[in-house]
Amino acid sequence: MPVNYQLAFDLAPVGLVLSRNRTMVDCNAHLCEMFGASREQLMGQSFRLLYPSTDEYERMGARLLPILNAKGVYADDRIMKRVDGRFKGETFWCHVNGRALNRDAPHEAGIWTFEDLSSRRPVTAGLTAREREVAAHLMNGMTSKEIGRALSISHRTVEIYRARLTRKYQASTTADLVHKLLAG
């Protein structure tokens, strides 16, 4: 029996996107469901549409560029935004994994997977864009110095954001904070 790759793409159990220059050129049904949008609403649109803010979109693009150049692949957990439907504007945790088709020009073309983590990790505290970035790295077990390097900020600045997160989540230790972040 011949393999129907288009059918496999369309019915994959994760959101799939083919991109060119950070623009969605094709996506599957699961991605549309996840973001509450039709395929027509997403095709030809910038990935910016899926981010809570332009600032987060820009920073993410700059941060993943050297990693895609070096490794050709990138993965993280981040907060994304639903596009349309009854949950329009709702933010949710999403695991994103991508591969550049040309490591020398990583944004030129790629394939990306999106997995909705909201059933395991709801967004409950109102966080700023930078707090969301620091939280995502904390949940990956990174230290303040590692987070600072990843975000191109000082480790002392990371400590300030970590303290804000600790207050917002009423955590007593870093381990307690990470536990509460994972629980939502």
N, C-alpha and C. Protein backbone atom coordinates (compact mmCIF):
# COMPACT_ATOMS: atom_id res chain seq x y z
N MET A 1 0.84 -1.18 0.00
CA MET A 1 0.00 0.00 0.00
C MET A 1 0.89 1.25 0.00
N PRO A 2 0.71 2.16 -0.95
CA PRO A 2 1.53 3.38 -1.00
C PRO A 2 1.19 4.31 0.17
N VAL A 3 2.20 5.01 0.64
CA VAL A 3 2.03 5.95 1.74
C VAL A 3 1.54 7.28 1.18
N ASN A 4 0.49 7.81 1.78
CA ASN A 4 -0.05 9.10 1.38
C ASN A 4 0.49 10.15 2.37
N TYR A 5 1.59 10.81 1.99
CA TYR A 5 2.24 11.76 2.88
C TYR A 5 1.37 12.98 3.18
N GLN A 6 0.58 13.41 2.24
CA GLN A 6 -0.30 14.56 2.48
C GLN A 6 -1.34 14.20 3.54
N LEU A 7 -1.89 13.00 3.47
CA LEU A 7 -2.85 12.55 4.47
C LEU A 7 -2.19 12.44 5.84
N ALA A 8 -0.97 11.92 5.89
CA ALA A 8 -0.23 11.82 7.16
C ALA A 8 -0.01 13.21 7.75
N PHE A 9 0.36 14.18 6.92
CA PHE A 9 0.56 15.56 7.36
C PHE A 9 -0.76 16.14 7.89
N ASP A 10 -1.82 15.98 7.11
CA ASP A 10 -3.11 16.56 7.47
C ASP A 10 -3.69 15.99 8.76
N LEU A 11 -3.48 14.70 9.01
CA LEU A 11 -4.11 14.04 10.16
C LEU A 11 -3.15 13.75 11.31
N ALA A 12 -1.94 14.29 11.28
CA ALA A 12 -0.97 14.07 12.36
C ALA A 12 -1.57 14.51 13.70
N PRO A 13 -1.24 13.79 14.79
CA PRO A 13 -1.80 14.12 16.10
C PRO A 13 -1.15 15.31 16.80
N VAL A 14 -0.29 16.04 16.11
CA VAL A 14 0.29 17.29 16.61
C VAL A 14 0.11 18.34 15.53
N GLY A 15 0.18 19.61 15.95
CA GLY A 15 0.09 20.68 14.97
C GLY A 15 1.36 20.73 14.14
N LEU A 16 1.23 20.80 12.84
CA LEU A 16 2.37 20.87 11.93
C LEU A 16 2.26 22.11 11.06
N VAL A 17 3.42 22.76 10.85
CA VAL A 17 3.47 23.95 10.00
C VAL A 17 4.72 23.88 9.13
N LEU A 18 4.57 24.19 7.87
CA LEU A 18 5.70 24.43 6.97
C LEU A 18 5.83 25.94 6.87
N SER A 19 7.06 26.43 6.98
CA SER A 19 7.26 27.88 7.00
C SER A 19 8.31 28.33 6.00
N ARG A 20 8.19 29.61 5.61
CA ARG A 20 9.20 30.32 4.83
C ARG A 20 9.29 31.73 5.40
N ASN A 21 10.51 32.09 5.80
CA ASN A 21 10.75 33.44 6.33
C ASN A 21 9.76 33.82 7.42
N ARG A 22 9.53 32.87 8.35
CA ARG A 22 8.66 33.04 9.51
C ARG A 22 7.21 33.30 9.12
N THR A 23 6.83 32.80 7.94
CA THR A 23 5.45 32.88 7.47
C THR A 23 4.94 31.46 7.28
N MET A 24 3.70 31.21 7.68
CA MET A 24 3.10 29.89 7.55
C MET A 24 2.66 29.67 6.10
N VAL A 25 3.23 28.64 5.46
CA VAL A 25 2.85 28.35 4.07
C VAL A 25 1.93 27.14 3.98
N ASP A 26 1.92 26.30 5.00
CA ASP A 26 0.99 25.18 5.06
C ASP A 26 0.88 24.74 6.51
N CYS A 27 -0.27 24.22 6.88
CA CYS A 27 -0.47 23.70 8.23
C CYS A 27 -1.50 22.58 8.18
N ASN A 28 -1.57 21.83 9.27
CA ASN A 28 -2.54 20.73 9.30
C ASN A 28 -3.76 21.10 10.15
N ALA A 29 -4.72 20.19 10.15
CA ALA A 29 -5.99 20.42 10.86
C ALA A 29 -5.78 20.56 12.36
N HIS A 30 -4.85 19.78 12.93
CA HIS A 30 -4.64 19.84 14.38
C HIS A 30 -4.15 21.23 14.80
N LEU A 31 -3.29 21.84 14.01
CA LEU A 31 -2.81 23.19 14.34
C LEU A 31 -3.97 24.18 14.30
N CYS A 32 -4.82 24.05 13.29
CA CYS A 32 -5.98 24.94 13.19
C CYS A 32 -6.88 24.81 14.41
N GLU A 33 -7.15 23.59 14.83
CA GLU A 33 -7.97 23.36 16.02
C GLU A 33 -7.32 23.97 17.25
N MET A 34 -6.02 23.75 17.41
CA MET A 34 -5.29 24.23 18.58
C MET A 34 -5.38 25.75 18.72
N PHE A 35 -5.24 26.45 17.60
CA PHE A 35 -5.23 27.91 17.64
C PHE A 35 -6.59 28.52 17.34
N GLY A 36 -7.60 27.68 17.12
CA GLY A 36 -8.96 28.18 16.89
C GLY A 36 -9.10 28.97 15.62
N ALA A 37 -8.42 28.54 14.57
CA ALA A 37 -8.44 29.28 13.31
C ALA A 37 -8.62 28.33 12.14
N SER A 38 -9.09 28.86 11.04
CA SER A 38 -9.19 28.06 9.83
C SER A 38 -7.84 28.10 9.12
N ARG A 39 -7.64 27.15 8.26
CA ARG A 39 -6.41 27.09 7.47
C ARG A 39 -6.25 28.38 6.66
N GLU A 40 -7.35 28.88 6.13
CA GLU A 40 -7.31 30.11 5.32
C GLU A 40 -6.86 31.31 6.15
N GLN A 41 -7.21 31.33 7.45
CA GLN A 41 -6.80 32.43 8.32
C GLN A 41 -5.30 32.40 8.62
N LEU A 42 -4.70 31.21 8.55
CA LEU A 42 -3.29 31.06 8.93
C LEU A 42 -2.32 31.11 7.75
N MET A 43 -2.72 30.56 6.61
CA MET A 43 -1.81 30.50 5.47
C MET A 43 -1.43 31.90 4.99
N GLY A 44 -0.12 32.08 4.81
CA GLY A 44 0.39 33.37 4.36
C GLY A 44 0.59 34.36 5.48
N GLN A 45 0.24 33.98 6.70
CA GLN A 45 0.38 34.87 7.86
C GLN A 45 1.71 34.63 8.56
N SER A 46 2.22 35.67 9.18
CA SER A 46 3.42 35.58 10.00
C SER A 46 3.11 34.78 11.26
N PHE A 47 4.11 34.08 11.78
CA PHE A 47 3.96 33.41 13.06
C PHE A 47 3.61 34.40 14.17
N ARG A 48 3.85 35.69 13.94
CA ARG A 48 3.52 36.74 14.91
C ARG A 48 2.09 36.60 15.40
N LEU A 49 1.21 36.17 14.52
CA LEU A 49 -0.21 36.00 14.83
C LEU A 49 -0.43 35.08 16.02
N LEU A 50 0.48 34.13 16.25
CA LEU A 50 0.31 33.12 17.29
C LEU A 50 0.96 33.49 18.63
N TYR A 51 1.61 34.64 18.68
CA TYR A 51 2.31 35.07 19.90
C TYR A 51 1.48 36.09 20.68
N PRO A 52 1.62 36.10 22.02
CA PRO A 52 0.90 37.09 22.81
C PRO A 52 1.30 38.53 22.52
N SER A 53 2.55 38.74 22.06
CA SER A 53 2.99 40.11 21.77
C SER A 53 4.04 40.11 20.66
N THR A 54 4.19 41.25 20.01
CA THR A 54 5.20 41.41 18.98
C THR A 54 6.59 41.26 19.58
N ASP A 55 6.76 41.78 20.79
CA ASP A 55 8.05 41.70 21.48
C ASP A 55 8.48 40.25 21.66
N GLU A 56 7.55 39.38 22.09
CA GLU A 56 7.89 37.96 22.28
C GLU A 56 8.23 37.31 20.95
N TYR A 57 7.50 37.65 19.91
CA TYR A 57 7.77 37.11 18.58
C TYR A 57 9.18 37.50 18.12
N GLU A 58 9.53 38.77 18.27
CA GLU A 58 10.84 39.26 17.84
C GLU A 58 11.97 38.62 18.65
N ARG A 59 11.81 38.57 19.97
CA ARG A 59 12.86 37.99 20.82
C ARG A 59 13.04 36.51 20.52
N MET A 60 11.94 35.80 20.31
CA MET A 60 12.05 34.37 20.02
C MET A 60 12.78 34.15 18.70
N GLY A 61 12.46 34.93 17.70
CA GLY A 61 13.15 34.81 16.41
C GLY A 61 14.64 35.03 16.53
N ALA A 62 15.03 36.05 17.31
CA ALA A 62 16.45 36.35 17.50
C ALA A 62 17.13 35.26 18.33
N ARG A 63 16.44 34.72 19.33
CA ARG A 63 17.03 33.72 20.21
C ARG A 63 17.24 32.38 19.50
N LEU A 64 16.30 31.98 18.67
CA LEU A 64 16.44 30.65 18.07
C LEU A 64 17.34 30.64 16.84
N LEU A 65 17.62 31.80 16.26
CA LEU A 65 18.46 31.88 15.07
C LEU A 65 19.84 31.24 15.26
N PRO A 66 20.62 31.60 16.30
CA PRO A 66 21.94 30.97 16.44
C PRO A 66 21.86 29.47 16.74
N ILE A 67 20.80 29.05 17.42
CA ILE A 67 20.66 27.62 17.73
C ILE A 67 20.32 26.85 16.46
N LEU A 68 19.43 27.40 15.64
CA LEU A 68 19.12 26.75 14.36
C LEU A 68 20.34 26.75 13.44
N ASN A 69 21.14 27.81 13.48
CA ASN A 69 22.36 27.86 12.68
C ASN A 69 23.32 26.75 13.10
N ALA A 70 23.47 26.55 14.41
CA ALA A 70 24.43 25.59 14.93
C ALA A 70 23.94 24.15 14.85
N LYS A 71 22.69 23.92 15.21
CA LYS A 71 22.17 22.55 15.33
C LYS A 71 21.17 22.15 14.27
N GLY A 72 20.53 23.13 13.67
CA GLY A 72 19.50 22.83 12.68
C GLY A 72 18.14 22.53 13.28
N VAL A 73 18.07 22.36 14.60
CA VAL A 73 16.81 22.07 15.28
C VAL A 73 16.68 22.98 16.51
N TYR A 74 15.44 23.16 16.96
CA TYR A 74 15.17 23.98 18.14
C TYR A 74 13.89 23.47 18.79
N ALA A 75 13.86 23.47 20.13
CA ALA A 75 12.64 23.08 20.85
C ALA A 75 12.57 23.83 22.16
N ASP A 76 11.35 24.18 22.58
CA ASP A 76 11.12 24.78 23.88
C ASP A 76 9.64 24.75 24.22
N ASP A 77 9.32 25.15 25.43
CA ASP A 77 7.95 25.37 25.86
C ASP A 77 7.76 26.86 25.95
N ARG A 78 6.66 27.36 25.42
CA ARG A 78 6.42 28.80 25.45
C ARG A 78 4.91 29.06 25.50
N ILE A 79 4.56 30.27 25.83
CA ILE A 79 3.16 30.67 25.85
C ILE A 79 2.80 31.19 24.45
N MET A 80 1.70 30.66 23.94
CA MET A 80 1.19 31.08 22.63
C MET A 80 -0.22 31.63 22.83
N LYS A 81 -0.83 32.11 21.74
CA LYS A 81 -2.14 32.76 21.83
C LYS A 81 -3.10 32.16 20.81
N ARG A 82 -4.33 31.88 21.25
CA ARG A 82 -5.35 31.39 20.34
C ARG A 82 -5.78 32.55 19.43
N VAL A 83 -6.05 32.23 18.17
CA VAL A 83 -6.29 33.26 17.16
C VAL A 83 -7.75 33.66 17.06
N ASP A 84 -8.65 32.70 17.11
CA ASP A 84 -10.05 32.99 16.83
C ASP A 84 -10.94 32.01 17.58
N GLY A 85 -12.22 32.13 17.35
CA GLY A 85 -13.17 31.23 18.00
C GLY A 85 -13.53 31.70 19.39
N ARG A 86 -14.15 30.84 20.14
CA ARG A 86 -14.64 31.24 21.47
C ARG A 86 -13.52 31.49 22.46
N PHE A 87 -12.30 31.01 22.17
CA PHE A 87 -11.16 31.22 23.07
C PHE A 87 -10.19 32.25 22.51
N LYS A 88 -10.63 33.09 21.59
CA LYS A 88 -9.78 34.10 20.96
C LYS A 88 -9.02 34.91 22.00
N GLY A 89 -7.71 35.01 21.79
CA GLY A 89 -6.86 35.79 22.69
C GLY A 89 -6.37 35.03 23.92
N GLU A 90 -6.93 33.85 24.18
CA GLU A 90 -6.51 33.04 25.33
C GLU A 90 -5.06 32.60 25.13
N THR A 91 -4.27 32.68 26.19
CA THR A 91 -2.89 32.20 26.12
C THR A 91 -2.83 30.79 26.68
N PHE A 92 -1.85 30.02 26.17
CA PHE A 92 -1.68 28.64 26.62
C PHE A 92 -0.23 28.21 26.44
N TRP A 93 0.20 27.26 27.27
CA TRP A 93 1.54 26.71 27.15
C TRP A 93 1.56 25.77 25.96
N CYS A 94 2.64 25.86 25.19
CA CYS A 94 2.77 25.07 23.98
C CYS A 94 4.22 24.58 23.85
N HIS A 95 4.39 23.30 23.51
CA HIS A 95 5.72 22.79 23.21
C HIS A 95 5.93 22.95 21.71
N VAL A 96 7.01 23.63 21.34
CA VAL A 96 7.31 23.91 19.94
C VAL A 96 8.64 23.27 19.59
N ASN A 97 8.66 22.59 18.46
CA ASN A 97 9.85 21.90 18.00
C ASN A 97 10.00 22.20 16.52
N GLY A 98 11.19 22.61 16.09
CA GLY A 98 11.35 22.97 14.70
C GLY A 98 12.66 22.53 14.10
N ARG A 99 12.67 22.45 12.78
CA ARG A 99 13.87 22.09 12.03
C ARG A 99 14.00 23.04 10.86
N ALA A 100 15.19 23.63 10.73
CA ALA A 100 15.50 24.47 9.58
C ALA A 100 15.86 23.57 8.41
N LEU A 101 15.33 23.85 7.25
CA LEU A 101 15.68 23.06 6.07
C LEU A 101 17.04 23.47 5.51
N ASN A 102 17.48 24.70 5.86
CA ASN A 102 18.79 25.20 5.46
C ASN A 102 19.42 25.85 6.68
N ARG A 103 20.39 25.18 7.29
CA ARG A 103 21.01 25.70 8.52
C ARG A 103 21.70 27.04 8.32
N ASP A 104 22.13 27.32 7.10
CA ASP A 104 22.81 28.59 6.84
C ASP A 104 21.83 29.76 6.77
N ALA A 105 20.56 29.47 6.55
CA ALA A 105 19.51 30.50 6.52
C ALA A 105 18.29 29.91 7.23
N PRO A 106 18.34 29.81 8.58
CA PRO A 106 17.34 29.07 9.34
C PRO A 106 15.90 29.54 9.17
N HIS A 107 15.68 30.82 8.95
CA HIS A 107 14.30 31.30 8.79
C HIS A 107 13.78 31.10 7.37
N GLU A 108 14.68 30.75 6.45
CA GLU A 108 14.30 30.60 5.05
C GLU A 108 13.17 29.59 4.86
N ALA A 109 13.31 28.41 5.45
CA ALA A 109 12.28 27.37 5.35
C ALA A 109 12.43 26.40 6.51
N GLY A 110 11.30 25.92 7.02
CA GLY A 110 11.37 24.99 8.14
C GLY A 110 10.09 24.22 8.31
N ILE A 111 10.16 23.24 9.18
CA ILE A 111 8.97 22.48 9.57
C ILE A 111 8.91 22.53 11.09
N TRP A 112 7.72 22.79 11.61
CA TRP A 112 7.50 23.03 13.04
C TRP A 112 6.36 22.17 13.55
N THR A 113 6.52 21.68 14.79
CA THR A 113 5.42 20.98 15.46
C THR A 113 5.01 21.81 16.66
N PHE A 114 3.72 21.76 16.97
CA PHE A 114 3.15 22.47 18.10
C PHE A 114 2.30 21.49 18.89
N GLU A 115 2.55 21.42 20.20
CA GLU A 115 1.77 20.54 21.07
C GLU A 115 1.17 21.39 22.19
N ASP A 116 -0.14 21.39 22.30
CA ASP A 116 -0.87 22.14 23.32
C ASP A 116 -0.66 21.46 24.67
N LEU A 117 -0.08 22.19 25.63
CA LEU A 117 0.19 21.65 26.96
C LEU A 117 -0.83 22.13 27.99
N SER A 118 -1.87 22.82 27.56
CA SER A 118 -2.80 23.46 28.50
C SER A 118 -3.51 22.48 29.42
N SER A 119 -3.72 21.25 29.00
CA SER A 119 -4.39 20.29 29.89
C SER A 119 -3.49 19.88 31.05
N ARG A 120 -2.17 19.96 30.84
CA ARG A 120 -1.21 19.61 31.89
C ARG A 120 -0.65 20.83 32.59
N ARG A 121 -0.67 21.98 31.91
CA ARG A 121 -0.03 23.18 32.43
C ARG A 121 -0.84 24.41 32.08
N PRO A 122 -1.91 24.67 32.81
CA PRO A 122 -2.71 25.86 32.49
C PRO A 122 -1.97 27.15 32.85
N VAL A 123 -2.29 28.21 32.15
CA VAL A 123 -1.75 29.53 32.45
C VAL A 123 -2.71 30.17 33.45
N THR A 124 -2.23 30.40 34.68
CA THR A 124 -3.12 30.94 35.69
C THR A 124 -2.70 32.32 36.19
N ALA A 125 -1.43 32.57 36.33
CA ALA A 125 -0.97 33.86 36.82
C ALA A 125 -0.75 34.80 35.65
N GLY A 126 -1.10 36.08 35.84
CA GLY A 126 -0.86 37.07 34.80
C GLY A 126 0.62 37.41 34.76
N LEU A 127 1.31 36.96 33.72
CA LEU A 127 2.76 37.16 33.63
C LEU A 127 3.10 38.09 32.48
N THR A 128 4.19 38.84 32.65
CA THR A 128 4.70 39.66 31.57
C THR A 128 5.42 38.75 30.58
N ALA A 129 5.73 39.30 29.41
CA ALA A 129 6.44 38.51 28.39
C ALA A 129 7.76 37.98 28.93
N ARG A 130 8.53 38.82 29.61
CA ARG A 130 9.83 38.38 30.13
C ARG A 130 9.65 37.36 31.25
N GLU A 131 8.63 37.53 32.09
CA GLU A 131 8.37 36.54 33.14
C GLU A 131 8.03 35.18 32.52
N ARG A 132 7.29 35.19 31.42
CA ARG A 132 6.97 33.92 30.74
C ARG A 132 8.23 33.25 30.22
N GLU A 133 9.15 34.05 29.67
CA GLU A 133 10.40 33.49 29.16
C GLU A 133 11.23 32.90 30.29
N VAL A 134 11.37 33.63 31.38
CA VAL A 134 12.14 33.13 32.53
C VAL A 134 11.47 31.88 33.09
N ALA A 135 10.15 31.89 33.21
CA ALA A 135 9.42 30.73 33.72
C ALA A 135 9.66 29.50 32.85
N ALA A 136 9.62 29.68 31.54
CA ALA A 136 9.84 28.54 30.62
C ALA A 136 11.22 27.94 30.84
N HIS A 137 12.23 28.77 31.03
CA HIS A 137 13.58 28.26 31.26
C HIS A 137 13.71 27.63 32.64
N LEU A 138 13.06 28.20 33.63
CA LEU A 138 13.08 27.59 34.97
C LEU A 138 12.49 26.18 34.92
N MET A 139 11.42 26.02 34.18
CA MET A 139 10.77 24.71 34.09
C MET A 139 11.65 23.69 33.37
N ASN A 140 12.63 24.19 32.60
CA ASN A 140 13.58 23.29 31.94
C ASN A 140 14.81 23.04 32.81
N GLY A 141 14.78 23.54 34.06
CA GLY A 141 15.85 23.26 35.00
C GLY A 141 17.08 24.14 34.86
N MET A 142 16.95 25.26 34.18
CA MET A 142 18.11 26.13 33.98
C MET A 142 18.36 27.02 35.20
N THR A 143 19.63 27.34 35.45
CA THR A 143 20.01 28.25 36.52
C THR A 143 19.84 29.69 36.04
N SER A 144 19.94 30.63 36.98
CA SER A 144 19.82 32.04 36.61
C SER A 144 20.89 32.45 35.62
N LYS A 145 22.11 31.96 35.80
CA LYS A 145 23.19 32.31 34.85
C LYS A 145 22.90 31.73 33.47
N GLU A 146 22.42 30.49 33.41
CA GLU A 146 22.09 29.88 32.12
C GLU A 146 20.94 30.63 31.44
N ILE A 147 19.94 31.01 32.24
CA ILE A 147 18.80 31.76 31.69
C ILE A 147 19.27 33.11 31.17
N GLY A 148 20.14 33.78 31.95
CA GLY A 148 20.68 35.07 31.54
C GLY A 148 21.40 34.98 30.20
N ARG A 149 22.21 33.93 30.05
CA ARG A 149 22.91 33.74 28.77
C ARG A 149 21.92 33.49 27.63
N ALA A 150 20.92 32.65 27.90
CA ALA A 150 19.94 32.31 26.86
C ALA A 150 19.13 33.53 26.43
N LEU A 151 18.83 34.43 27.38
CA LEU A 151 18.00 35.60 27.09
C LEU A 151 18.81 36.87 26.84
N SER A 152 20.14 36.75 26.93
CA SER A 152 21.04 37.90 26.75
C SER A 152 20.75 39.02 27.75
N ILE A 153 20.54 38.61 29.01
CA ILE A 153 20.37 39.56 30.12
C ILE A 153 21.26 39.08 31.27
N SER A 154 21.48 39.93 32.24
CA SER A 154 22.34 39.53 33.36
C SER A 154 21.62 38.54 34.26
N HIS A 155 22.42 37.72 34.96
CA HIS A 155 21.80 36.77 35.89
C HIS A 155 21.11 37.50 37.04
N ARG A 156 21.55 38.71 37.36
CA ARG A 156 20.88 39.49 38.41
C ARG A 156 19.49 39.92 37.96
N THR A 157 19.35 40.25 36.69
CA THR A 157 18.04 40.60 36.14
C THR A 157 17.13 39.37 36.18
N VAL A 158 17.69 38.21 35.87
CA VAL A 158 16.91 36.96 35.96
C VAL A 158 16.43 36.76 37.38
N GLU A 159 17.28 37.05 38.36
CA GLU A 159 16.90 36.90 39.77
C GLU A 159 15.72 37.81 40.13
N ILE A 160 15.68 38.99 39.55
CA ILE A 160 14.56 39.91 39.80
C ILE A 160 13.27 39.29 39.26
N TYR A 161 13.34 38.76 38.05
CA TYR A 161 12.14 38.11 37.48
C TYR A 161 11.76 36.86 38.26
N ARG A 162 12.75 36.12 38.71
CA ARG A 162 12.48 34.93 39.51
C ARG A 162 11.77 35.32 40.81
N ALA A 163 12.21 36.42 41.42
CA ALA A 163 11.57 36.89 42.66
C ALA A 163 10.12 37.31 42.40
N ARG A 164 9.88 37.97 41.27
CA ARG A 164 8.49 38.35 40.92
C ARG A 164 7.63 37.11 40.74
N LEU A 165 8.17 36.11 40.05
CA LEU A 165 7.44 34.86 39.85
C LEU A 165 7.15 34.18 41.19
N THR A 166 8.13 34.20 42.07
CA THR A 166 7.97 33.59 43.39
C THR A 166 6.83 34.26 44.15
N ARG A 167 6.76 35.60 44.08
CA ARG A 167 5.66 36.32 44.73
C ARG A 167 4.32 36.01 44.08
N LYS A 168 4.27 36.06 42.76
CA LYS A 168 3.01 35.82 42.06
C LYS A 168 2.45 34.43 42.31
N TYR A 169 3.35 33.45 42.41
CA TYR A 169 2.91 32.07 42.64
C TYR A 169 2.94 31.67 44.11
N GLN A 170 3.30 32.64 44.96
CA GLN A 170 3.36 32.41 46.41
C GLN A 170 4.16 31.15 46.73
N ALA A 171 5.34 31.08 46.12
CA ALA A 171 6.22 29.92 46.31
C ALA A 171 7.24 30.24 47.40
N SER A 172 7.67 29.20 48.10
CA SER A 172 8.63 29.41 49.18
C SER A 172 10.07 29.12 48.75
N THR A 173 10.26 28.29 47.74
CA THR A 173 11.59 27.94 47.23
C THR A 173 11.53 27.87 45.71
N THR A 174 12.69 27.76 45.10
CA THR A 174 12.73 27.60 43.65
C THR A 174 12.04 26.31 43.23
N ALA A 175 12.28 25.25 43.96
CA ALA A 175 11.64 23.97 43.65
C ALA A 175 10.12 24.10 43.74
N ASP A 176 9.64 24.82 44.76
CA ASP A 176 8.20 25.05 44.92
C ASP A 176 7.68 25.88 43.75
N LEU A 177 8.45 26.90 43.33
CA LEU A 177 8.05 27.73 42.19
C LEU A 177 7.94 26.88 40.93
N VAL A 178 8.93 26.07 40.65
CA VAL A 178 8.90 25.22 39.45
C VAL A 178 7.70 24.28 39.51
N HIS A 179 7.45 23.71 40.68
CA HIS A 179 6.30 22.81 40.84
C HIS A 179 4.99 23.56 40.53
N LYS A 180 4.87 24.77 41.05
CA LYS A 180 3.65 25.55 40.82
C LYS A 180 3.54 26.02 39.37
N LEU A 181 4.67 26.32 38.74
CA LEU A 181 4.64 26.69 37.33
C LEU A 181 4.18 25.50 36.48
N LEU A 182 4.69 24.34 36.79
CA LEU A 182 4.30 23.15 36.04
C LEU A 182 2.83 22.80 36.24
N ALA A 183 2.33 23.08 37.46
CA ALA A 183 0.93 22.79 37.77
C ALA A 183 0.00 23.87 37.22
N GLY A 184 0.55 25.04 36.91
CA GLY A 184 -0.26 26.12 36.38
C GLY A 184 -0.54 27.12 37.43
